[in-house]
């Protein structure tokens, strides 16, 4: 068997995560098997196990790949030292909503995390 380059391995990992994200949105997390994900990604289950210990690890990697809008914006809020906490909260909520609207991948992952688990 030929050795894969780091770039090829990263591309395989990304295609697995993309397939999982697509199927999790369509079927939900519990109804999606690793075999479903492997078939959708065009890889074997062994390839999935090479990159992830189990479905939970795959799910966590999907979440890490696209940080939830709430986490990213909360980090910015936490780092700010404003004198107006109410305005900070308003800005935070608006930024979360803006990111959810403008970033389709973040929106899908947020939908999976809140509605498909």
Protein backbone atom coordinates (compact mmCIF):
# COMPACT_ATOMS: atom_id res chain seq x y z
CA UNK A 1 0.00 0.00 0.00
CA UNK A 2 1.35 3.43 -0.95
CA UNK A 3 1.94 5.95 1.79
CA UNK A 4 -0.21 9.01 1.69
CA UNK A 5 1.13 12.51 2.03
CA UNK A 6 0.04 14.76 4.85
CA UNK A 7 -1.98 16.81 2.36
CA UNK A 8 -3.80 13.70 1.10
CA UNK A 9 -4.51 12.58 4.67
CA UNK A 10 -5.83 16.04 5.53
CA UNK A 11 -8.04 16.02 2.42
CA UNK A 12 -9.41 12.58 3.39
CA UNK A 13 -10.09 13.80 6.93
CA UNK A 14 -11.90 16.88 5.58
CA UNK A 15 -14.01 14.80 3.20
CA UNK A 16 -15.01 12.54 6.10
CA UNK A 17 -15.98 15.58 8.18
CA UNK A 18 -17.89 17.11 5.25
CA UNK A 19 -19.79 13.84 4.71
CA UNK A 20 -20.58 13.54 8.42
CA UNK A 21 -21.82 17.12 8.55
CA UNK A 22 -24.08 16.55 5.53
CA UNK A 23 -25.53 13.32 6.90
CA UNK A 24 -25.94 14.66 10.44
CA UNK A 25 -28.05 17.51 9.05
CA UNK A 26 -30.14 15.15 6.90
CA UNK A 27 -30.56 12.19 9.27
CA UNK A 28 -29.50 13.34 12.71
CA UNK A 29 -26.45 12.16 14.61
CA UNK A 30 -27.93 9.02 16.16
CA UNK A 31 -29.34 7.74 12.86
CA UNK A 32 -26.07 8.22 10.98
CA UNK A 33 -23.64 5.31 11.12
CA UNK A 34 -19.95 5.32 10.36
CA UNK A 35 -20.75 3.15 7.34
CA UNK A 36 -23.13 5.84 6.05
CA UNK A 37 -20.37 8.43 6.48
CA UNK A 38 -17.77 6.21 4.81
CA UNK A 39 -20.04 5.61 1.81
CA UNK A 40 -20.84 9.31 1.47
CA UNK A 41 -17.15 10.26 1.71
CA UNK A 42 -16.04 7.50 -0.65
CA UNK A 43 -13.73 5.91 1.90
CA UNK A 44 -13.66 2.76 3.99
CA UNK A 45 -14.66 2.58 7.65
CA UNK A 46 -11.00 1.82 8.30
CA UNK A 47 -10.11 5.25 6.94
CA UNK A 48 -12.56 6.79 9.39
CA UNK A 49 -10.99 4.84 12.26
CA UNK A 50 -7.55 5.97 11.11
CA UNK A 51 -8.56 9.59 11.70
CA UNK A 52 -11.12 9.25 14.52
CA UNK A 53 -11.51 6.84 17.46
CA UNK A 54 -15.30 6.68 17.10
CA UNK A 55 -18.35 8.67 16.06
CA UNK A 56 -18.06 10.86 19.15
CA UNK A 57 -14.52 11.86 18.21
CA UNK A 58 -15.68 12.58 14.66
CA UNK A 59 -18.54 14.71 16.01
CA UNK A 60 -16.15 16.61 18.28
CA UNK A 61 -13.75 17.22 15.38
CA UNK A 62 -16.64 18.59 13.33
CA UNK A 63 -17.49 20.93 16.19
CA UNK A 64 -13.85 21.99 16.56
CA UNK A 65 -13.49 22.64 12.84
CA UNK A 66 -16.22 25.23 12.97
CA UNK A 67 -16.37 26.78 16.36
CA UNK A 68 -19.91 27.49 17.33
CA UNK A 69 -20.82 31.12 16.71
CA UNK A 70 -21.53 31.55 20.41
CA UNK A 71 -18.05 30.44 21.45
CA UNK A 72 -16.19 32.61 18.97
CA UNK A 73 -18.12 35.73 19.86
CA UNK A 74 -18.01 34.97 23.58
CA UNK A 75 -14.20 34.86 23.37
CA UNK A 76 -14.22 38.38 21.90
CA UNK A 77 -16.61 39.59 24.57
CA UNK A 78 -14.48 38.05 27.30
CA UNK A 79 -11.39 39.85 25.98
CA UNK A 80 -13.04 43.26 25.84
CA UNK A 81 -12.79 45.64 28.77
CA UNK A 82 -15.73 47.94 28.11
CA UNK A 83 -17.45 50.17 30.61
CA UNK A 84 -20.88 49.35 29.16
CA UNK A 85 -21.74 45.66 29.74
CA UNK A 86 -25.24 46.04 28.31
CA UNK A 87 -23.85 47.37 25.04
CA UNK A 88 -21.31 44.51 25.06
CA UNK A 89 -24.13 42.00 25.44
CA UNK A 90 -26.06 43.61 22.59
CA UNK A 91 -22.97 43.55 20.37
CA UNK A 92 -22.36 39.91 21.29
CA UNK A 93 -25.90 38.82 20.39
CA UNK A 94 -25.77 40.74 17.11
CA UNK A 95 -22.40 39.23 16.20
CA UNK A 96 -23.70 35.72 16.92
CA UNK A 97 -26.76 36.28 14.76
CA UNK A 98 -24.67 37.86 11.99
CA UNK A 99 -22.25 34.95 11.96
CA UNK A 100 -25.05 32.40 11.98
CA UNK A 101 -26.65 34.11 8.98
CA UNK A 102 -23.46 34.72 6.98
CA UNK A 103 -21.53 31.47 7.53
CA UNK A 104 -23.41 28.47 6.08
CA UNK A 105 -21.05 25.91 7.61
CA UNK A 106 -21.30 27.47 11.06
CA UNK A 107 -25.09 27.53 10.65
CA UNK A 108 -25.19 23.80 9.75
CA UNK A 109 -22.96 22.84 12.67
CA UNK A 110 -25.00 25.02 15.02
CA UNK A 111 -28.17 23.34 13.72
CA UNK A 112 -26.65 19.89 14.27
CA UNK A 113 -25.51 20.77 17.79
CA UNK A 114 -28.87 22.22 18.81
CA UNK A 115 -31.43 20.20 16.85
CA UNK A 116 -29.90 16.97 15.52
CA UNK A 117 -28.26 15.41 18.58
